[in-house]
Amino acid sequence: MNPHNNWRRVSGLVLIATLALFAGACSSSKDSSKDSSKSTTTTTAKGDKTTSSTAKPLSDEAYNASVSKISDSIKGAGTDLCAISKVTTAGPPEPTNPKQTEEAVGLYVELLNAVAESFPANSAAASESLRIAANTLQTEAKAAGYPPDFLSGPAGQKALSGDGYTAAMTEYQTLFQAQCAPPAAADPGADPSASTVPAG
């Protein structure tokens, strides 16, 4: 599974269109996780010519800057569920070493806790499930030594699964739709003076 799919599901971006939330199908990441420290080469055909471009992994400093920017956005959103969803449109870059993985996991933990805090008081069980998931993710990643493929591998997926987690994210969807979904467009052909209340 691509780690960016995880981010979209946690942040609720996909709730606008559909509920994936870790229960949906995941694309295979076997090829990309074999050696994520190597550069990736993309070949593009343009007319009769073929060009190659190589994307190099981010330095630790650049990775930290990217993660810090997202973290600041999450902090700025506070406990506003709609704001959290808006500021987390892009997840962290794919990590290429344990240091970067530790930062990426920390960002996921921050996001999960922020979502937990955004739940109303009557959703205490859902909030607790997300906090447990955040703690499990952090603990499992540390125990594994923060491998670059942790978030896309079985251990990362297991930490973000289970009945409590799924129920919490389903509740998140309900809250998101009620609070953040745009209102339905009015029917332009409707007569505003017409009433649906029967006379008498």
N, C-alpha and C. Protein backbone atom coordinates (compact mmCIF):
# COMPACT_ATOMS: atom_id res chain seq x y z
N MET A 1 0.84 -1.19 0.00
CA MET A 1 0.00 0.00 0.00
C MET A 1 0.87 1.24 0.00
N ASN A 2 0.56 2.21 -0.79
CA ASN A 2 1.30 3.46 -0.82
C ASN A 2 1.05 4.21 0.48
N PRO A 3 2.11 4.69 1.16
CA PRO A 3 1.90 5.40 2.42
C PRO A 3 1.05 6.65 2.27
N HIS A 4 1.00 7.23 1.07
CA HIS A 4 0.17 8.42 0.87
C HIS A 4 -1.32 8.07 0.93
N ASN A 5 -1.67 6.83 0.59
CA ASN A 5 -3.06 6.40 0.73
C ASN A 5 -3.45 6.43 2.21
N ASN A 6 -2.52 6.01 3.08
CA ASN A 6 -2.77 6.07 4.52
C ASN A 6 -3.09 7.48 4.95
N TRP A 7 -2.27 8.42 4.50
CA TRP A 7 -2.44 9.81 4.91
C TRP A 7 -3.80 10.34 4.49
N ARG A 8 -4.19 10.07 3.24
CA ARG A 8 -5.48 10.57 2.76
C ARG A 8 -6.62 9.99 3.58
N ARG A 9 -6.49 8.73 3.96
CA ARG A 9 -7.56 8.09 4.72
C ARG A 9 -7.64 8.62 6.13
N VAL A 10 -6.49 8.84 6.75
CA VAL A 10 -6.49 9.38 8.11
C VAL A 10 -7.01 10.80 8.11
N SER A 11 -6.56 11.62 7.17
CA SER A 11 -6.91 13.04 7.17
C SER A 11 -8.35 13.28 6.76
N GLY A 12 -9.00 12.29 6.15
CA GLY A 12 -10.40 12.45 5.79
C GLY A 12 -10.62 13.07 4.44
N LEU A 13 -9.57 13.28 3.66
CA LEU A 13 -9.76 13.89 2.35
C LEU A 13 -10.65 13.05 1.47
N VAL A 14 -10.49 11.74 1.57
CA VAL A 14 -11.29 10.86 0.71
C VAL A 14 -12.73 10.80 1.15
N LEU A 15 -13.04 11.33 2.33
CA LEU A 15 -14.42 11.29 2.79
C LEU A 15 -15.33 12.14 1.91
N ILE A 16 -14.74 13.10 1.22
CA ILE A 16 -15.55 13.96 0.36
C ILE A 16 -16.23 13.12 -0.71
N ALA A 17 -15.53 12.13 -1.22
CA ALA A 17 -16.08 11.30 -2.29
C ALA A 17 -16.46 9.91 -1.82
N THR A 18 -15.66 9.29 -0.99
CA THR A 18 -15.92 7.90 -0.61
C THR A 18 -15.21 7.57 0.68
N LEU A 19 -15.61 6.50 1.33
CA LEU A 19 -14.98 6.09 2.58
C LEU A 19 -14.03 4.94 2.30
N ALA A 20 -12.77 5.27 2.23
CA ALA A 20 -11.76 4.22 2.05
C ALA A 20 -11.25 3.82 3.43
N LEU A 21 -10.63 4.78 4.12
CA LEU A 21 -10.25 4.63 5.51
C LEU A 21 -9.67 3.28 5.89
N PHE A 22 -8.63 2.92 5.26
CA PHE A 22 -7.87 1.72 5.57
C PHE A 22 -8.60 0.41 5.31
N ALA A 23 -9.84 0.48 4.83
CA ALA A 23 -10.55 -0.75 4.55
C ALA A 23 -10.59 -1.01 3.05
N GLY A 24 -10.21 -0.02 2.26
CA GLY A 24 -10.27 -0.15 0.81
C GLY A 24 -9.11 -0.94 0.25
N ALA A 25 -9.13 -1.12 -1.05
CA ALA A 25 -8.04 -1.85 -1.71
C ALA A 25 -6.80 -0.99 -1.74
N CYS A 26 -5.67 -1.63 -1.56
CA CYS A 26 -4.39 -0.92 -1.55
C CYS A 26 -3.55 -1.39 -2.73
N SER A 27 -2.87 -0.44 -3.34
CA SER A 27 -1.98 -0.83 -4.44
C SER A 27 -0.73 -1.45 -3.88
N SER A 28 -0.14 -2.35 -4.62
CA SER A 28 1.06 -3.05 -4.17
C SER A 28 2.24 -2.10 -4.10
N SER A 29 3.02 -2.23 -3.03
CA SER A 29 4.20 -1.38 -2.90
C SER A 29 5.47 -2.20 -2.89
N LYS A 30 5.39 -3.46 -3.36
CA LYS A 30 6.56 -4.33 -3.32
C LYS A 30 7.71 -3.77 -4.12
N ASP A 31 7.43 -3.29 -5.33
CA ASP A 31 8.49 -2.79 -6.18
C ASP A 31 9.13 -1.55 -5.59
N SER A 32 8.28 -0.64 -5.05
CA SER A 32 8.82 0.62 -4.56
C SER A 32 9.50 0.47 -3.22
N SER A 33 9.19 -0.61 -2.47
CA SER A 33 9.77 -0.74 -1.14
C SER A 33 10.99 -1.64 -1.11
N LYS A 34 11.40 -2.19 -2.25
CA LYS A 34 12.58 -3.06 -2.25
C LYS A 34 13.82 -2.29 -1.82
N ASP A 35 14.03 -1.10 -2.36
CA ASP A 35 15.15 -0.28 -1.95
C ASP A 35 14.79 1.18 -2.19
N SER A 36 14.18 1.77 -1.17
CA SER A 36 13.68 3.12 -1.35
C SER A 36 14.78 4.16 -1.28
N SER A 37 16.04 3.73 -1.01
CA SER A 37 17.12 4.70 -0.95
C SER A 37 17.67 5.01 -2.34
N LYS A 38 17.26 4.24 -3.33
CA LYS A 38 17.74 4.48 -4.69
C LYS A 38 16.89 5.53 -5.37
N SER A 39 17.48 6.20 -6.35
CA SER A 39 16.74 7.19 -7.11
C SER A 39 15.78 6.50 -8.05
N THR A 40 14.69 7.20 -8.38
CA THR A 40 13.71 6.65 -9.31
C THR A 40 13.84 7.32 -10.65
N THR A 41 13.81 6.53 -11.71
CA THR A 41 13.96 7.09 -13.05
C THR A 41 12.65 6.96 -13.80
N THR A 42 12.23 8.05 -14.40
CA THR A 42 11.00 8.07 -15.19
C THR A 42 11.36 8.36 -16.63
N THR A 43 10.83 7.55 -17.55
CA THR A 43 11.11 7.76 -18.97
C THR A 43 9.83 8.20 -19.66
N THR A 44 9.92 9.28 -20.42
CA THR A 44 8.75 9.82 -21.10
C THR A 44 9.02 9.93 -22.58
N ALA A 45 8.09 9.41 -23.37
CA ALA A 45 8.24 9.51 -24.83
C ALA A 45 7.57 10.78 -25.30
N LYS A 46 8.30 11.58 -26.07
CA LYS A 46 7.74 12.83 -26.59
C LYS A 46 8.12 12.91 -28.07
N GLY A 47 7.14 12.68 -28.92
CA GLY A 47 7.41 12.65 -30.35
C GLY A 47 8.33 11.48 -30.66
N ASP A 48 9.44 11.76 -31.34
CA ASP A 48 10.39 10.70 -31.68
C ASP A 48 11.50 10.58 -30.64
N LYS A 49 11.48 11.49 -29.62
CA LYS A 49 12.56 11.48 -28.65
C LYS A 49 12.10 10.88 -27.32
N THR A 50 13.03 10.32 -26.60
CA THR A 50 12.75 9.77 -25.28
C THR A 50 13.64 10.47 -24.28
N THR A 51 13.03 11.02 -23.22
CA THR A 51 13.80 11.73 -22.21
C THR A 51 13.70 11.01 -20.88
N SER A 52 14.75 11.10 -20.10
CA SER A 52 14.76 10.47 -18.78
C SER A 52 14.98 11.53 -17.72
N SER A 53 14.26 11.40 -16.62
CA SER A 53 14.48 12.30 -15.50
C SER A 53 14.61 11.47 -14.23
N THR A 54 15.52 11.86 -13.37
CA THR A 54 15.77 11.11 -12.15
C THR A 54 15.36 11.94 -10.94
N ALA A 55 14.49 11.37 -10.10
CA ALA A 55 14.06 12.03 -8.88
C ALA A 55 14.88 11.50 -7.72
N LYS A 56 15.65 12.38 -7.08
CA LYS A 56 16.50 11.94 -5.98
C LYS A 56 15.75 12.04 -4.66
N PRO A 57 16.09 11.16 -3.70
CA PRO A 57 15.46 11.24 -2.38
C PRO A 57 15.76 12.59 -1.73
N LEU A 58 14.85 13.04 -0.87
CA LEU A 58 15.07 14.29 -0.16
C LEU A 58 16.16 14.14 0.89
N SER A 59 16.90 15.19 1.11
CA SER A 59 17.86 15.20 2.21
C SER A 59 17.07 15.22 3.51
N ASP A 60 17.73 14.88 4.61
CA ASP A 60 17.05 14.90 5.91
C ASP A 60 16.55 16.29 6.25
N GLU A 61 17.32 17.31 5.87
CA GLU A 61 16.92 18.69 6.15
C GLU A 61 15.65 19.07 5.37
N ALA A 62 15.62 18.71 4.09
CA ALA A 62 14.45 19.01 3.27
C ALA A 62 13.23 18.22 3.74
N TYR A 63 13.47 16.98 4.15
CA TYR A 63 12.36 16.15 4.64
C TYR A 63 11.79 16.76 5.91
N ASN A 64 12.67 17.17 6.82
CA ASN A 64 12.23 17.78 8.07
C ASN A 64 11.43 19.05 7.81
N ALA A 65 11.86 19.84 6.83
CA ALA A 65 11.15 21.08 6.50
C ALA A 65 9.75 20.78 5.99
N SER A 66 9.62 19.73 5.18
CA SER A 66 8.31 19.35 4.64
C SER A 66 7.38 18.88 5.76
N VAL A 67 7.91 18.04 6.64
CA VAL A 67 7.11 17.52 7.76
C VAL A 67 6.72 18.64 8.70
N SER A 68 7.65 19.55 8.97
CA SER A 68 7.38 20.66 9.88
C SER A 68 6.26 21.56 9.36
N LYS A 69 6.25 21.76 8.05
CA LYS A 69 5.21 22.60 7.44
C LYS A 69 3.82 21.99 7.65
N ILE A 70 3.71 20.68 7.44
CA ILE A 70 2.43 19.99 7.64
C ILE A 70 2.05 20.01 9.12
N SER A 71 3.04 19.77 9.99
CA SER A 71 2.79 19.78 11.43
C SER A 71 2.26 21.14 11.89
N ASP A 72 2.85 22.21 11.38
CA ASP A 72 2.39 23.56 11.73
C ASP A 72 0.94 23.77 11.29
N SER A 73 0.59 23.22 10.14
CA SER A 73 -0.78 23.35 9.64
C SER A 73 -1.77 22.61 10.54
N ILE A 74 -1.36 21.43 10.98
CA ILE A 74 -2.22 20.65 11.88
C ILE A 74 -2.43 21.41 13.19
N LYS A 75 -1.34 21.94 13.73
CA LYS A 75 -1.45 22.71 14.98
C LYS A 75 -2.35 23.92 14.78
N GLY A 76 -2.21 24.58 13.63
CA GLY A 76 -3.01 25.76 13.34
C GLY A 76 -4.50 25.46 13.21
N ALA A 77 -4.82 24.23 12.81
CA ALA A 77 -6.23 23.85 12.65
C ALA A 77 -6.90 23.61 14.00
N GLY A 78 -6.11 23.38 15.04
CA GLY A 78 -6.68 23.15 16.36
C GLY A 78 -7.56 21.92 16.41
N THR A 79 -8.76 22.10 16.96
CA THR A 79 -9.70 20.98 17.08
C THR A 79 -10.84 21.09 16.07
N ASP A 80 -10.66 21.92 15.06
CA ASP A 80 -11.68 22.09 14.02
C ASP A 80 -11.53 20.97 13.00
N LEU A 81 -12.44 20.02 13.02
CA LEU A 81 -12.38 18.84 12.14
C LEU A 81 -12.31 19.24 10.67
N CYS A 82 -13.10 20.23 10.29
CA CYS A 82 -13.11 20.66 8.88
C CYS A 82 -11.77 21.29 8.50
N ALA A 83 -11.22 22.07 9.41
CA ALA A 83 -9.93 22.71 9.14
C ALA A 83 -8.81 21.68 9.05
N ILE A 84 -8.87 20.66 9.90
CA ILE A 84 -7.86 19.59 9.85
C ILE A 84 -7.88 18.93 8.47
N SER A 85 -9.05 18.66 7.96
CA SER A 85 -9.16 18.02 6.65
C SER A 85 -8.62 18.91 5.54
N LYS A 86 -8.81 20.22 5.68
CA LYS A 86 -8.36 21.14 4.63
C LYS A 86 -6.85 21.31 4.62
N VAL A 87 -6.24 21.33 5.80
CA VAL A 87 -4.80 21.62 5.84
C VAL A 87 -3.93 20.40 5.60
N THR A 88 -4.55 19.23 5.55
CA THR A 88 -3.76 18.01 5.35
C THR A 88 -3.99 17.42 3.98
N THR A 89 -4.06 18.29 2.97
CA THR A 89 -4.31 17.80 1.62
C THR A 89 -3.15 16.98 1.07
N ALA A 90 -1.95 17.21 1.57
CA ALA A 90 -0.79 16.44 1.12
C ALA A 90 -0.10 15.82 2.32
N GLY A 91 0.25 14.56 2.20
CA GLY A 91 0.93 13.87 3.28
C GLY A 91 2.43 14.09 3.19
N PRO A 92 3.17 13.51 4.12
CA PRO A 92 4.62 13.65 4.10
C PRO A 92 5.22 12.91 2.91
N PRO A 93 6.37 13.34 2.43
CA PRO A 93 7.04 12.60 1.34
C PRO A 93 7.36 11.19 1.81
N GLU A 94 7.56 10.29 0.86
CA GLU A 94 7.91 8.92 1.22
C GLU A 94 9.30 8.90 1.85
N PRO A 95 9.43 8.34 3.06
CA PRO A 95 10.74 8.33 3.72
C PRO A 95 11.72 7.37 3.04
N THR A 96 13.00 7.70 3.15
CA THR A 96 14.01 6.85 2.53
C THR A 96 15.06 6.35 3.52
N ASN A 97 14.90 6.71 4.80
CA ASN A 97 15.80 6.19 5.83
C ASN A 97 15.08 6.22 7.18
N PRO A 98 15.63 5.57 8.20
CA PRO A 98 14.95 5.51 9.49
C PRO A 98 14.66 6.87 10.12
N LYS A 99 15.56 7.82 9.95
CA LYS A 99 15.34 9.16 10.52
C LYS A 99 14.09 9.79 9.91
N GLN A 100 13.95 9.68 8.61
CA GLN A 100 12.78 10.24 7.95
C GLN A 100 11.52 9.47 8.31
N THR A 101 11.64 8.15 8.45
CA THR A 101 10.48 7.36 8.84
C THR A 101 9.99 7.77 10.22
N GLU A 102 10.93 8.01 11.13
CA GLU A 102 10.55 8.44 12.49
C GLU A 102 9.77 9.75 12.43
N GLU A 103 10.20 10.66 11.57
CA GLU A 103 9.48 11.93 11.44
C GLU A 103 8.10 11.73 10.82
N ALA A 104 8.02 10.86 9.81
CA ALA A 104 6.73 10.60 9.16
C ALA A 104 5.76 9.96 10.14
N VAL A 105 6.23 8.98 10.91
CA VAL A 105 5.37 8.32 11.90
C VAL A 105 4.92 9.34 12.94
N GLY A 106 5.82 10.22 13.37
CA GLY A 106 5.45 11.25 14.33
C GLY A 106 4.36 12.15 13.81
N LEU A 107 4.40 12.42 12.50
CA LEU A 107 3.37 13.27 11.89
C LEU A 107 2.02 12.54 11.85
N TYR A 108 2.04 11.23 11.54
CA TYR A 108 0.80 10.45 11.58
C TYR A 108 0.21 10.45 12.98
N VAL A 109 1.07 10.28 13.97
CA VAL A 109 0.63 10.27 15.37
C VAL A 109 0.00 11.61 15.72
N GLU A 110 0.63 12.69 15.29
CA GLU A 110 0.09 14.02 15.54
C GLU A 110 -1.28 14.19 14.89
N LEU A 111 -1.41 13.72 13.66
CA LEU A 111 -2.68 13.84 12.95
C LEU A 111 -3.77 13.02 13.62
N LEU A 112 -3.47 11.78 13.99
CA LEU A 112 -4.46 10.94 14.65
C LEU A 112 -4.93 11.57 15.96
N ASN A 113 -4.00 12.11 16.72
CA ASN A 113 -4.37 12.75 17.98
C ASN A 113 -5.18 14.02 17.76
N ALA A 114 -4.87 14.75 16.68
CA ALA A 114 -5.63 15.96 16.36
C ALA A 114 -7.07 15.60 15.98
N VAL A 115 -7.23 14.53 15.20
CA VAL A 115 -8.58 14.08 14.84
C VAL A 115 -9.32 13.63 16.09
N ALA A 116 -8.62 12.92 16.98
CA ALA A 116 -9.24 12.46 18.23
C ALA A 116 -9.74 13.65 19.05
N GLU A 117 -8.94 14.71 19.08
CA GLU A 117 -9.32 15.90 19.84
C GLU A 117 -10.50 16.64 19.20
N SER A 118 -10.68 16.46 17.90
CA SER A 118 -11.74 17.17 17.20
C SER A 118 -13.11 16.54 17.41
N PHE A 119 -13.14 15.32 17.95
CA PHE A 119 -14.41 14.65 18.18
C PHE A 119 -15.16 15.32 19.34
N PRO A 120 -16.49 15.36 19.27
CA PRO A 120 -17.27 15.91 20.38
C PRO A 120 -17.20 15.02 21.61
N ALA A 121 -17.64 15.55 22.75
CA ALA A 121 -17.54 14.82 24.03
C ALA A 121 -18.28 13.49 23.99
N ASN A 122 -19.37 13.42 23.23
CA ASN A 122 -20.14 12.16 23.21
C ASN A 122 -19.51 11.11 22.29
N SER A 123 -18.34 11.42 21.74
CA SER A 123 -17.62 10.44 20.91
C SER A 123 -16.31 10.04 21.59
N ALA A 124 -16.36 9.94 22.92
CA ALA A 124 -15.16 9.65 23.70
C ALA A 124 -14.54 8.30 23.31
N ALA A 125 -15.37 7.32 23.02
CA ALA A 125 -14.86 5.99 22.66
C ALA A 125 -14.08 6.05 21.35
N ALA A 126 -14.61 6.80 20.39
CA ALA A 126 -13.94 6.94 19.10
C ALA A 126 -12.61 7.68 19.27
N SER A 127 -12.61 8.73 20.08
CA SER A 127 -11.38 9.47 20.34
C SER A 127 -10.32 8.56 20.95
N GLU A 128 -10.74 7.75 21.92
CA GLU A 128 -9.79 6.86 22.59
C GLU A 128 -9.23 5.83 21.62
N SER A 129 -10.06 5.33 20.71
CA SER A 129 -9.59 4.35 19.72
C SER A 129 -8.51 4.95 18.83
N LEU A 130 -8.66 6.21 18.45
CA LEU A 130 -7.66 6.86 17.61
C LEU A 130 -6.37 7.11 18.40
N ARG A 131 -6.51 7.45 19.67
CA ARG A 131 -5.31 7.65 20.50
C ARG A 131 -4.55 6.33 20.68
N ILE A 132 -5.30 5.26 20.85
CA ILE A 132 -4.67 3.93 20.98
C ILE A 132 -3.94 3.58 19.68
N ALA A 133 -4.59 3.86 18.54
CA ALA A 133 -3.97 3.58 17.24
C ALA A 133 -2.68 4.39 17.08
N ALA A 134 -2.71 5.65 17.50
CA ALA A 134 -1.53 6.52 17.40
C ALA A 134 -0.40 5.96 18.26
N ASN A 135 -0.73 5.55 19.48
CA ASN A 135 0.28 5.01 20.39
C ASN A 135 0.85 3.70 19.85
N THR A 136 -0.03 2.85 19.31
CA THR A 136 0.41 1.57 18.75
C THR A 136 1.33 1.79 17.56
N LEU A 137 0.97 2.73 16.70
CA LEU A 137 1.78 3.04 15.53
C LEU A 137 3.17 3.49 15.96
N GLN A 138 3.24 4.38 16.95
CA GLN A 138 4.52 4.88 17.43
C GLN A 138 5.37 3.77 18.05
N THR A 139 4.72 2.94 18.87
CA THR A 139 5.42 1.86 19.56
C THR A 139 5.96 0.82 18.59
N GLU A 140 5.12 0.42 17.64
CA GLU A 140 5.52 -0.60 16.66
C GLU A 140 6.64 -0.10 15.75
N ALA A 141 6.55 1.16 15.35
CA ALA A 141 7.57 1.73 14.47
C ALA A 141 8.92 1.80 15.19
N LYS A 142 8.89 2.21 16.44
CA LYS A 142 10.13 2.30 17.22
C LYS A 142 10.75 0.93 17.43
N ALA A 143 9.90 -0.05 17.76
CA ALA A 143 10.39 -1.42 17.98
C ALA A 143 11.00 -2.01 16.71
N ALA A 144 10.46 -1.61 15.56
CA ALA A 144 10.96 -2.13 14.27
C ALA A 144 12.21 -1.39 13.80
N GLY A 145 12.56 -0.29 14.46
CA GLY A 145 13.73 0.47 14.04
C GLY A 145 13.44 1.48 12.94
N TYR A 146 12.18 1.84 12.76
CA TYR A 146 11.75 2.83 11.76
C TYR A 146 12.24 2.51 10.34
N PRO A 147 11.94 1.33 9.82
CA PRO A 147 12.35 1.03 8.43
C PRO A 147 11.57 1.92 7.46
N PRO A 148 12.16 2.29 6.32
CA PRO A 148 11.48 3.19 5.37
C PRO A 148 10.13 2.68 4.88
N ASP A 149 9.95 1.36 4.85
CA ASP A 149 8.67 0.83 4.35
C ASP A 149 7.69 0.51 5.47
N PHE A 150 7.92 1.04 6.66
CA PHE A 150 7.05 0.70 7.80
C PHE A 150 5.60 1.08 7.54
N LEU A 151 5.36 2.31 7.10
CA LEU A 151 3.99 2.78 6.93
C LEU A 151 3.24 2.05 5.83
N SER A 152 3.97 1.53 4.84
CA SER A 152 3.30 0.81 3.75
C SER A 152 3.32 -0.70 3.97
N GLY A 153 3.99 -1.14 5.02
CA GLY A 153 4.11 -2.58 5.28
C GLY A 153 3.05 -3.10 6.24
N PRO A 154 3.07 -4.40 6.52
CA PRO A 154 2.07 -5.04 7.37
C PRO A 154 1.99 -4.47 8.78
N ALA A 155 3.13 -4.13 9.37
CA ALA A 155 3.12 -3.62 10.75
C ALA A 155 2.39 -2.28 10.84
N GLY A 156 2.66 -1.40 9.89
CA GLY A 156 1.99 -0.11 9.88
C GLY A 156 0.50 -0.25 9.62
N GLN A 157 0.14 -1.17 8.72
CA GLN A 157 -1.27 -1.38 8.41
C GLN A 157 -2.01 -1.99 9.60
N LYS A 158 -1.34 -2.90 10.32
CA LYS A 158 -1.96 -3.56 11.47
C LYS A 158 -2.25 -2.55 12.58
N ALA A 159 -1.31 -1.62 12.77
CA ALA A 159 -1.50 -0.62 13.82
C ALA A 159 -2.72 0.25 13.54
N LEU A 160 -3.01 0.47 12.26
CA LEU A 160 -4.13 1.31 11.88
C LEU A 160 -5.27 0.44 11.35
N SER A 161 -5.72 -0.46 12.18
CA SER A 161 -6.81 -1.35 11.79
C SER A 161 -7.52 -1.81 13.06
N GLY A 162 -8.48 -2.70 12.88
CA GLY A 162 -9.22 -3.21 14.03
C GLY A 162 -10.59 -2.59 14.12
N ASP A 163 -11.47 -3.26 14.85
CA ASP A 163 -12.86 -2.80 14.95
C ASP A 163 -12.99 -1.39 15.53
N GLY A 164 -12.23 -1.12 16.61
CA GLY A 164 -12.33 0.19 17.25
C GLY A 164 -11.88 1.30 16.32
N TYR A 165 -10.79 1.06 15.60
CA TYR A 165 -10.27 2.07 14.68
C TYR A 165 -11.26 2.29 13.53
N THR A 166 -11.75 1.21 12.96
CA THR A 166 -12.68 1.32 11.84
C THR A 166 -13.95 2.05 12.26
N ALA A 167 -14.46 1.73 13.45
CA ALA A 167 -15.66 2.40 13.96
C ALA A 167 -15.40 3.88 14.17
N ALA A 168 -14.22 4.22 14.67
CA ALA A 168 -13.88 5.63 14.90
C ALA A 168 -13.82 6.39 13.59
N MET A 169 -13.21 5.79 12.56
CA MET A 169 -13.11 6.48 11.29
C MET A 169 -14.46 6.58 10.58
N THR A 170 -15.32 5.60 10.82
CA THR A 170 -16.68 5.67 10.27
C THR A 170 -17.44 6.81 10.95
N GLU A 171 -17.23 6.96 12.26
CA GLU A 171 -17.86 8.07 12.98
C GLU A 171 -17.30 9.40 12.49
N TYR A 172 -16.02 9.40 12.18
CA TYR A 172 -15.38 10.59 11.62
C TYR A 172 -16.05 10.98 10.30
N GLN A 173 -16.35 9.97 9.49
CA GLN A 173 -17.01 10.24 8.22
C GLN A 173 -18.37 10.91 8.45
N THR A 174 -19.10 10.38 9.42
CA THR A 174 -20.43 10.92 9.72
C THR A 174 -20.33 12.38 10.16
N LEU A 175 -19.38 12.65 11.04
CA LEU A 175 -19.19 14.02 11.51
C LEU A 175 -18.74 14.94 10.38
N PHE A 176 -17.84 14.43 9.55
CA PHE A 176 -17.34 15.21 8.42
C PHE A 176 -18.48 15.59 7.48
N GLN A 177 -19.30 14.62 7.15
CA GLN A 177 -20.42 14.89 6.23
C GLN A 177 -21.40 15.89 6.83
N ALA A 178 -21.63 15.79 8.14
CA ALA A 178 -22.59 16.67 8.79
C ALA A 178 -22.05 18.10 8.95
N GLN A 179 -20.75 18.22 9.21
CA GLN A 179 -20.18 19.53 9.53
C GLN A 179 -19.47 20.20 8.37
N CYS A 180 -18.89 19.39 7.48
CA CYS A 180 -17.96 19.97 6.50
C CYS A 180 -18.39 19.84 5.05
N ALA A 181 -19.29 18.92 4.76
CA ALA A 181 -19.70 18.71 3.37
C ALA A 181 -20.43 19.96 2.87
N PRO A 182 -20.19 20.38 1.62
CA PRO A 182 -20.89 21.56 1.10
C PRO A 182 -22.39 21.30 1.02
N PRO A 183 -23.21 22.34 1.23
CA PRO A 183 -24.67 22.16 1.16
C PRO A 183 -25.11 21.78 -0.24
N ALA A 184 -26.20 21.05 -0.30
CA ALA A 184 -26.74 20.63 -1.60
C ALA A 184 -27.19 21.87 -2.38
N ALA A 185 -26.92 21.86 -3.67
CA ALA A 185 -27.31 22.99 -4.52
C ALA A 185 -28.83 23.05 -4.63
N ALA A 186 -29.35 24.25 -4.60
CA ALA A 186 -30.80 24.43 -4.73
C ALA A 186 -31.24 24.15 -6.15
N ASP A 187 -32.45 23.66 -6.31
CA ASP A 187 -33.01 23.37 -7.63
C ASP A 187 -33.38 24.70 -8.29
N PRO A 188 -32.69 25.06 -9.39
CA PRO A 188 -32.97 26.36 -10.03
C PRO A 188 -34.38 26.45 -10.59
N GLY A 189 -35.04 25.32 -10.81
CA GLY A 189 -36.38 25.34 -11.38
C GLY A 189 -37.48 25.37 -10.32
N ALA A 190 -37.07 25.31 -9.06
CA ALA A 190 -38.08 25.28 -7.99
C ALA A 190 -38.69 26.66 -7.78
N ASP A 191 -39.95 26.68 -7.43
CA ASP A 191 -40.65 27.94 -7.15
C ASP A 191 -40.45 28.27 -5.69
N PRO A 192 -39.69 29.36 -5.35
CA PRO A 192 -39.41 29.69 -3.95
C PRO A 192 -40.66 30.00 -3.15
N SER A 193 -41.78 30.36 -3.83
CA SER A 193 -43.00 30.71 -3.11
C SER A 193 -43.83 29.48 -2.79
N ALA A 194 -43.45 28.35 -3.41
CA ALA A 194 -44.24 27.13 -3.20
C ALA A 194 -43.96 26.59 -1.81
N SER A 195 -44.93 26.01 -1.18
CA SER A 195 -44.78 25.43 0.14
C SER A 195 -45.05 23.95 0.09
N THR A 196 -44.27 23.19 0.88
CA THR A 196 -44.50 21.75 0.94
C THR A 196 -45.43 21.41 2.08
N VAL A 197 -45.85 22.44 2.84
CA VAL A 197 -46.75 22.20 3.96
C VAL A 197 -48.18 22.19 3.44
N PRO A 198 -48.92 21.11 3.65
CA PRO A 198 -50.30 21.07 3.15
C PRO A 198 -51.18 22.12 3.82
N ALA A 199 -52.12 22.66 3.06
CA ALA A 199 -53.03 23.67 3.59
C ALA A 199 -53.90 23.07 4.66
N GLY A 200 -54.30 23.93 5.61
CA GLY A 200 -55.21 23.48 6.67
C GLY A 200 -54.38 22.97 7.77
